[in-house]
C-alpha cells in the first residue's frame, strides 16, 4: 500500500501544498520530500508477503527501494489529477477563490474534494 501527497503545480516545476494564483494543476509527482505534508511525499505503508519469507529488515529495505524507484521514475509517473479554473472566462469575479486545497473524503464513498478560500473584494 502506497500513499503519495499530491501537490499544486503552476508554470514551473515547484509543487506547493496550497493552490493559489497560477498553481492550478493538482499533480501526482513523486519527490524526495521528507514529511507527509510535503507535496510529492511517498510513503510505502504496507508490503504484502504471501509466502511469509521476508524478514523485517528485508521489508524495510524493499520499502526504501520502492520509494526511490517512484522518485527516479517521476517523469514517467507524473499525472495531472485535476485543474482549477479560479475565474472562468467571462464570469464575474465577485467571489473568486484565492487559495484552494484538496482532501480525500473516505467512508461509504471516497471522493477527491476541493476547499476554497474566497475573496469578497
N, C-alpha and C. Protein backbone atom coordinates (compact mmCIF):
# COMPACT_ATOMS: atom_id res chain seq x y z
N UNK A 1 0.85 -1.17 0.00
CA UNK A 1 0.00 0.00 0.00
C UNK A 1 0.90 1.23 0.00
N UNK A 2 0.67 2.13 -0.95
CA UNK A 2 1.49 3.32 -1.12
C UNK A 2 0.61 4.56 -0.93
N UNK A 3 1.16 5.56 -0.26
CA UNK A 3 0.47 6.83 -0.09
C UNK A 3 1.39 7.93 -0.61
N UNK A 4 0.85 8.79 -1.47
CA UNK A 4 1.63 9.90 -2.03
C UNK A 4 0.81 11.18 -1.88
N UNK A 5 1.46 12.22 -1.34
CA UNK A 5 0.80 13.51 -1.18
C UNK A 5 0.82 14.23 -2.52
N UNK A 6 -0.35 14.66 -2.98
CA UNK A 6 -0.45 15.41 -4.23
C UNK A 6 0.03 16.84 -3.99
N UNK A 7 0.34 17.54 -5.07
CA UNK A 7 0.79 18.92 -4.95
C UNK A 7 0.16 19.78 -6.03
N UNK A 8 0.15 21.09 -5.79
CA UNK A 8 -0.35 22.05 -6.77
C UNK A 8 0.82 22.57 -7.57
N UNK A 9 0.67 22.57 -8.87
CA UNK A 9 1.75 22.95 -9.77
C UNK A 9 1.28 24.06 -10.70
N UNK A 10 2.19 24.98 -10.97
CA UNK A 10 1.91 26.07 -11.90
C UNK A 10 2.87 26.01 -13.08
N UNK A 11 3.30 27.16 -13.59
CA UNK A 11 4.18 27.20 -14.76
C UNK A 11 5.54 26.53 -14.57
N UNK A 12 6.12 26.56 -13.38
CA UNK A 12 7.43 25.94 -13.15
C UNK A 12 7.29 24.47 -12.81
N UNK A 13 8.21 23.95 -12.01
CA UNK A 13 8.10 22.56 -11.58
C UNK A 13 8.13 22.43 -10.06
N UNK A 14 7.91 23.55 -9.35
CA UNK A 14 7.88 23.55 -7.89
C UNK A 14 6.45 23.28 -7.42
N UNK A 15 6.25 22.19 -6.70
CA UNK A 15 4.93 21.86 -6.16
C UNK A 15 4.71 22.59 -4.85
N UNK A 16 3.46 22.92 -4.57
CA UNK A 16 3.08 23.56 -3.31
C UNK A 16 1.91 22.79 -2.71
N UNK A 17 1.74 22.89 -1.40
CA UNK A 17 0.65 22.21 -0.73
C UNK A 17 -0.69 22.91 -0.96
N UNK A 18 -0.68 24.24 -1.05
CA UNK A 18 -1.89 25.02 -1.30
C UNK A 18 -1.86 25.57 -2.70
N UNK A 19 -3.00 25.60 -3.36
CA UNK A 19 -3.10 26.22 -4.68
C UNK A 19 -3.48 27.68 -4.54
N UNK A 20 -2.95 28.49 -5.42
CA UNK A 20 -3.30 29.91 -5.49
C UNK A 20 -2.69 30.48 -6.76
N UNK A 21 -3.26 31.59 -7.23
CA UNK A 21 -2.71 32.24 -8.41
C UNK A 21 -2.61 31.30 -9.60
N UNK A 22 -1.38 31.05 -10.05
CA UNK A 22 -1.17 30.18 -11.22
C UNK A 22 -0.96 28.72 -10.84
N UNK A 23 -1.00 28.39 -9.56
CA UNK A 23 -0.86 26.99 -9.12
C UNK A 23 -2.21 26.31 -9.23
N UNK A 24 -2.57 25.88 -10.44
CA UNK A 24 -3.92 25.40 -10.69
C UNK A 24 -4.01 23.92 -11.09
N UNK A 25 -2.87 23.23 -11.20
CA UNK A 25 -2.90 21.81 -11.56
C UNK A 25 -2.58 20.95 -10.34
N UNK A 26 -3.48 20.06 -10.00
CA UNK A 26 -3.25 19.12 -8.90
C UNK A 26 -2.55 17.91 -9.48
N UNK A 27 -1.31 17.67 -9.06
CA UNK A 27 -0.48 16.65 -9.71
C UNK A 27 -0.04 15.55 -8.76
N UNK A 28 0.14 14.39 -9.36
CA UNK A 28 0.81 13.25 -8.75
C UNK A 28 2.22 13.31 -9.31
N UNK A 29 3.17 13.75 -8.51
CA UNK A 29 4.55 13.89 -8.97
C UNK A 29 5.47 13.57 -7.80
N UNK A 30 5.94 12.32 -7.70
CA UNK A 30 6.77 11.92 -6.56
C UNK A 30 8.00 12.79 -6.38
N UNK A 31 8.33 13.09 -5.12
CA UNK A 31 9.52 13.87 -4.81
C UNK A 31 10.27 13.20 -3.66
N UNK A 32 11.39 13.77 -3.31
CA UNK A 32 12.17 13.24 -2.18
C UNK A 32 11.78 13.94 -0.88
N UNK A 33 10.55 14.43 -0.80
CA UNK A 33 10.06 15.12 0.39
C UNK A 33 10.18 14.22 1.61
N UNK A 34 10.37 14.85 2.76
CA UNK A 34 10.63 14.05 3.96
C UNK A 34 9.48 13.97 4.96
N UNK A 35 8.43 14.78 4.78
CA UNK A 35 7.30 14.71 5.70
C UNK A 35 5.99 14.56 4.92
N UNK A 36 4.99 13.93 5.54
CA UNK A 36 3.71 13.68 4.85
C UNK A 36 3.01 14.94 4.35
N UNK A 37 3.31 16.10 4.92
CA UNK A 37 2.66 17.34 4.48
C UNK A 37 3.39 18.01 3.33
N UNK A 38 4.45 17.39 2.82
CA UNK A 38 5.17 17.94 1.67
C UNK A 38 4.58 17.37 0.39
N UNK A 39 4.35 18.23 -0.63
CA UNK A 39 3.85 17.72 -1.92
C UNK A 39 4.81 16.69 -2.51
N UNK A 40 4.26 15.61 -3.02
CA UNK A 40 5.08 14.57 -3.63
C UNK A 40 5.64 13.56 -2.66
N UNK A 41 5.34 13.71 -1.36
CA UNK A 41 5.83 12.77 -0.35
C UNK A 41 5.33 11.35 -0.65
N UNK A 42 6.22 10.38 -0.53
CA UNK A 42 5.88 8.98 -0.81
C UNK A 42 6.04 8.18 0.48
N UNK A 43 5.02 7.41 0.82
CA UNK A 43 5.11 6.51 1.97
C UNK A 43 4.68 5.12 1.53
N UNK A 44 5.53 4.15 1.73
CA UNK A 44 5.16 2.76 1.48
C UNK A 44 4.62 2.25 2.82
N UNK A 45 3.32 2.10 2.91
CA UNK A 45 2.69 1.76 4.18
C UNK A 45 2.74 0.27 4.49
N UNK A 46 2.52 -0.55 3.49
CA UNK A 46 2.44 -1.98 3.71
C UNK A 46 3.10 -2.74 2.57
N UNK A 47 3.84 -3.77 2.92
CA UNK A 47 4.38 -4.70 1.93
C UNK A 47 3.76 -6.05 2.22
N UNK A 48 3.10 -6.61 1.23
CA UNK A 48 2.46 -7.91 1.40
C UNK A 48 3.43 -9.02 1.00
N UNK A 49 3.60 -9.98 1.87
CA UNK A 49 4.49 -11.13 1.63
C UNK A 49 3.68 -12.40 1.82
N UNK A 50 2.97 -12.85 0.77
CA UNK A 50 2.10 -14.02 0.91
C UNK A 50 2.84 -15.28 1.37
N UNK A 51 4.11 -15.41 1.01
CA UNK A 51 4.85 -16.63 1.39
C UNK A 51 5.42 -16.54 2.79
N UNK A 52 5.46 -15.34 3.38
CA UNK A 52 5.98 -15.19 4.73
C UNK A 52 7.48 -15.37 4.83
N UNK A 53 8.20 -15.19 3.74
CA UNK A 53 9.65 -15.43 3.71
C UNK A 53 10.48 -14.20 4.07
N UNK A 54 9.90 -13.00 4.01
CA UNK A 54 10.68 -11.78 4.22
C UNK A 54 10.85 -11.45 5.69
N UNK A 55 12.07 -11.07 6.05
CA UNK A 55 12.33 -10.60 7.41
C UNK A 55 11.91 -9.14 7.51
N UNK A 56 11.86 -8.60 8.71
CA UNK A 56 11.51 -7.18 8.86
C UNK A 56 12.57 -6.30 8.22
N UNK A 57 13.84 -6.72 8.25
CA UNK A 57 14.90 -5.95 7.59
C UNK A 57 14.68 -5.93 6.08
N UNK A 58 14.31 -7.06 5.50
CA UNK A 58 14.06 -7.13 4.06
C UNK A 58 12.86 -6.27 3.69
N UNK A 59 11.84 -6.27 4.51
CA UNK A 59 10.66 -5.43 4.26
C UNK A 59 11.05 -3.96 4.28
N UNK A 60 11.86 -3.56 5.26
CA UNK A 60 12.31 -2.17 5.35
C UNK A 60 13.13 -1.77 4.14
N UNK A 61 14.02 -2.66 3.68
CA UNK A 61 14.83 -2.36 2.50
C UNK A 61 13.96 -2.24 1.26
N UNK A 62 12.98 -3.13 1.13
CA UNK A 62 12.08 -3.08 -0.03
C UNK A 62 11.29 -1.77 -0.05
N UNK A 63 10.86 -1.29 1.12
CA UNK A 63 10.14 -0.02 1.20
C UNK A 63 11.03 1.12 0.71
N UNK A 64 12.29 1.13 1.14
CA UNK A 64 13.22 2.18 0.71
C UNK A 64 13.48 2.12 -0.79
N UNK A 65 13.68 0.91 -1.31
CA UNK A 65 13.93 0.73 -2.74
C UNK A 65 12.72 1.18 -3.55
N UNK A 66 11.52 0.83 -3.10
CA UNK A 66 10.30 1.21 -3.82
C UNK A 66 10.12 2.73 -3.80
N UNK A 67 10.40 3.35 -2.66
CA UNK A 67 10.30 4.80 -2.55
C UNK A 67 11.23 5.48 -3.55
N UNK A 68 12.46 5.01 -3.62
CA UNK A 68 13.44 5.57 -4.54
C UNK A 68 13.04 5.33 -6.00
N UNK A 69 12.46 4.17 -6.28
CA UNK A 69 12.01 3.85 -7.64
C UNK A 69 10.91 4.80 -8.09
N UNK A 70 9.99 5.13 -7.20
CA UNK A 70 8.94 6.10 -7.52
C UNK A 70 9.57 7.44 -7.88
N UNK A 71 10.53 7.88 -7.05
CA UNK A 71 11.16 9.17 -7.29
C UNK A 71 11.93 9.17 -8.61
N UNK A 72 12.72 8.13 -8.85
CA UNK A 72 13.53 8.07 -10.07
C UNK A 72 12.68 7.93 -11.33
N UNK A 73 11.45 7.46 -11.20
CA UNK A 73 10.55 7.30 -12.35
C UNK A 73 9.53 8.43 -12.45
N UNK A 74 9.74 9.50 -11.70
CA UNK A 74 8.73 10.57 -11.62
C UNK A 74 8.37 11.16 -12.98
N UNK A 75 9.32 11.25 -13.91
CA UNK A 75 9.00 11.82 -15.22
C UNK A 75 7.97 10.97 -15.96
N UNK A 76 8.02 9.66 -15.77
CA UNK A 76 7.07 8.76 -16.42
C UNK A 76 5.76 8.64 -15.63
N UNK A 77 5.82 8.93 -14.33
CA UNK A 77 4.65 8.75 -13.47
C UNK A 77 3.83 10.01 -13.28
N UNK A 78 4.41 11.19 -13.54
CA UNK A 78 3.71 12.44 -13.27
C UNK A 78 2.36 12.45 -13.99
N UNK A 79 1.34 12.85 -13.26
CA UNK A 79 -0.02 12.82 -13.78
C UNK A 79 -0.80 14.00 -13.19
N UNK A 80 -1.55 14.69 -14.02
CA UNK A 80 -2.40 15.78 -13.54
C UNK A 80 -3.77 15.20 -13.20
N UNK A 81 -4.13 15.24 -11.92
CA UNK A 81 -5.42 14.72 -11.46
C UNK A 81 -6.56 15.68 -11.77
N UNK A 82 -6.30 16.97 -11.56
CA UNK A 82 -7.37 17.94 -11.71
C UNK A 82 -6.78 19.31 -11.97
N UNK A 83 -7.56 20.15 -12.58
CA UNK A 83 -7.17 21.54 -12.78
C UNK A 83 -8.26 22.45 -12.24
N UNK A 84 -7.85 23.55 -11.65
CA UNK A 84 -8.79 24.51 -11.10
C UNK A 84 -8.79 25.74 -11.99
N UNK A 85 -9.98 26.21 -12.34
CA UNK A 85 -10.12 27.46 -13.10
C UNK A 85 -10.76 28.43 -12.12
N UNK A 86 -9.94 29.25 -11.43
CA UNK A 86 -10.48 30.11 -10.38
C UNK A 86 -11.60 31.03 -10.85
N UNK A 87 -11.44 31.65 -12.00
CA UNK A 87 -12.49 32.51 -12.55
C UNK A 87 -12.60 32.19 -14.03
N UNK A 88 -13.65 31.46 -14.43
CA UNK A 88 -13.82 31.14 -15.85
C UNK A 88 -13.92 32.41 -16.70
N UNK A 89 -13.47 32.33 -17.94
CA UNK A 89 -13.54 33.47 -18.86
C UNK A 89 -14.97 33.98 -18.95
N UNK A 90 -15.13 35.28 -18.83
CA UNK A 90 -16.44 35.90 -18.96
C UNK A 90 -17.26 35.92 -17.68
N UNK A 91 -16.78 35.27 -16.62
CA UNK A 91 -17.54 35.23 -15.36
C UNK A 91 -17.18 36.43 -14.49
N UNK A 92 -18.13 36.85 -13.67
CA UNK A 92 -17.82 37.93 -12.73
C UNK A 92 -16.91 37.40 -11.65
N UNK A 93 -16.16 38.29 -11.03
CA UNK A 93 -15.16 37.86 -10.05
C UNK A 93 -15.54 38.23 -8.62
N UNK A 94 -16.80 38.44 -8.36
CA UNK A 94 -17.21 38.93 -7.05
C UNK A 94 -16.91 37.95 -5.91
N UNK A 95 -16.81 36.68 -6.17
CA UNK A 95 -16.41 35.71 -5.14
C UNK A 95 -15.36 34.76 -5.70
N UNK A 96 -14.26 35.31 -6.13
CA UNK A 96 -13.23 34.47 -6.73
C UNK A 96 -12.41 33.78 -5.64
N UNK A 97 -12.07 32.51 -5.85
CA UNK A 97 -11.21 31.83 -4.88
C UNK A 97 -9.78 32.35 -5.02
N UNK A 98 -9.11 32.54 -3.89
CA UNK A 98 -7.72 32.97 -3.99
C UNK A 98 -6.76 31.94 -3.39
N UNK A 99 -7.28 30.92 -2.72
CA UNK A 99 -6.49 29.78 -2.25
C UNK A 99 -7.36 28.56 -2.32
N UNK A 100 -6.75 27.40 -2.58
CA UNK A 100 -7.52 26.16 -2.62
C UNK A 100 -6.64 25.01 -2.16
N UNK A 101 -7.30 23.99 -1.62
CA UNK A 101 -6.64 22.76 -1.16
C UNK A 101 -7.49 21.59 -1.60
N UNK A 102 -6.90 20.41 -1.53
CA UNK A 102 -7.66 19.20 -1.81
C UNK A 102 -7.66 18.34 -0.56
N UNK A 103 -8.61 17.45 -0.47
CA UNK A 103 -8.59 16.40 0.53
C UNK A 103 -9.38 15.23 -0.01
N UNK A 104 -9.13 14.07 0.56
CA UNK A 104 -9.84 12.86 0.15
C UNK A 104 -10.83 12.51 1.24
N UNK A 105 -12.10 12.50 0.89
CA UNK A 105 -13.14 12.09 1.82
C UNK A 105 -13.28 10.59 1.73
N UNK A 106 -13.30 9.93 2.86
CA UNK A 106 -13.46 8.48 2.84
C UNK A 106 -14.59 8.08 3.77
N UNK A 107 -15.15 6.97 3.48
CA UNK A 107 -16.30 6.46 4.21
C UNK A 107 -17.04 5.51 3.28
N UNK A 108 -18.35 5.63 3.21
CA UNK A 108 -19.12 4.81 2.28
C UNK A 108 -18.73 5.11 0.84
N UNK A 109 -18.43 6.39 0.59
CA UNK A 109 -17.99 6.83 -0.74
C UNK A 109 -16.67 7.58 -0.57
N UNK A 110 -15.71 7.28 -1.42
CA UNK A 110 -14.45 8.02 -1.40
C UNK A 110 -14.47 9.02 -2.53
N UNK A 111 -14.04 10.25 -2.24
CA UNK A 111 -14.09 11.30 -3.25
C UNK A 111 -12.93 12.26 -3.07
N UNK A 112 -12.44 12.79 -4.18
CA UNK A 112 -11.45 13.85 -4.18
C UNK A 112 -12.23 15.16 -4.07
N UNK A 113 -11.97 15.93 -3.02
CA UNK A 113 -12.73 17.14 -2.75
C UNK A 113 -11.83 18.36 -2.75
N UNK A 114 -12.40 19.52 -2.99
CA UNK A 114 -11.66 20.76 -3.01
C UNK A 114 -12.26 21.75 -2.02
N UNK A 115 -11.39 22.43 -1.29
CA UNK A 115 -11.79 23.50 -0.40
C UNK A 115 -11.24 24.80 -0.97
N UNK A 116 -12.03 25.86 -0.96
CA UNK A 116 -11.57 27.15 -1.47
C UNK A 116 -11.78 28.24 -0.45
N UNK A 117 -10.81 29.15 -0.35
CA UNK A 117 -10.95 30.37 0.44
C UNK A 117 -11.33 31.45 -0.56
N UNK A 118 -12.45 32.11 -0.30
CA UNK A 118 -12.96 33.10 -1.24
C UNK A 118 -12.52 34.51 -0.87
N UNK A 119 -12.40 35.33 -1.88
CA UNK A 119 -12.07 36.73 -1.71
C UNK A 119 -13.31 37.53 -2.08
N UNK A 120 -13.84 38.29 -1.13
CA UNK A 120 -15.09 39.01 -1.40
C UNK A 120 -14.85 40.45 -1.83
N UNK A 121 -13.64 40.79 -2.25
CA UNK A 121 -13.38 42.18 -2.66
C UNK A 121 -13.79 42.42 -4.10
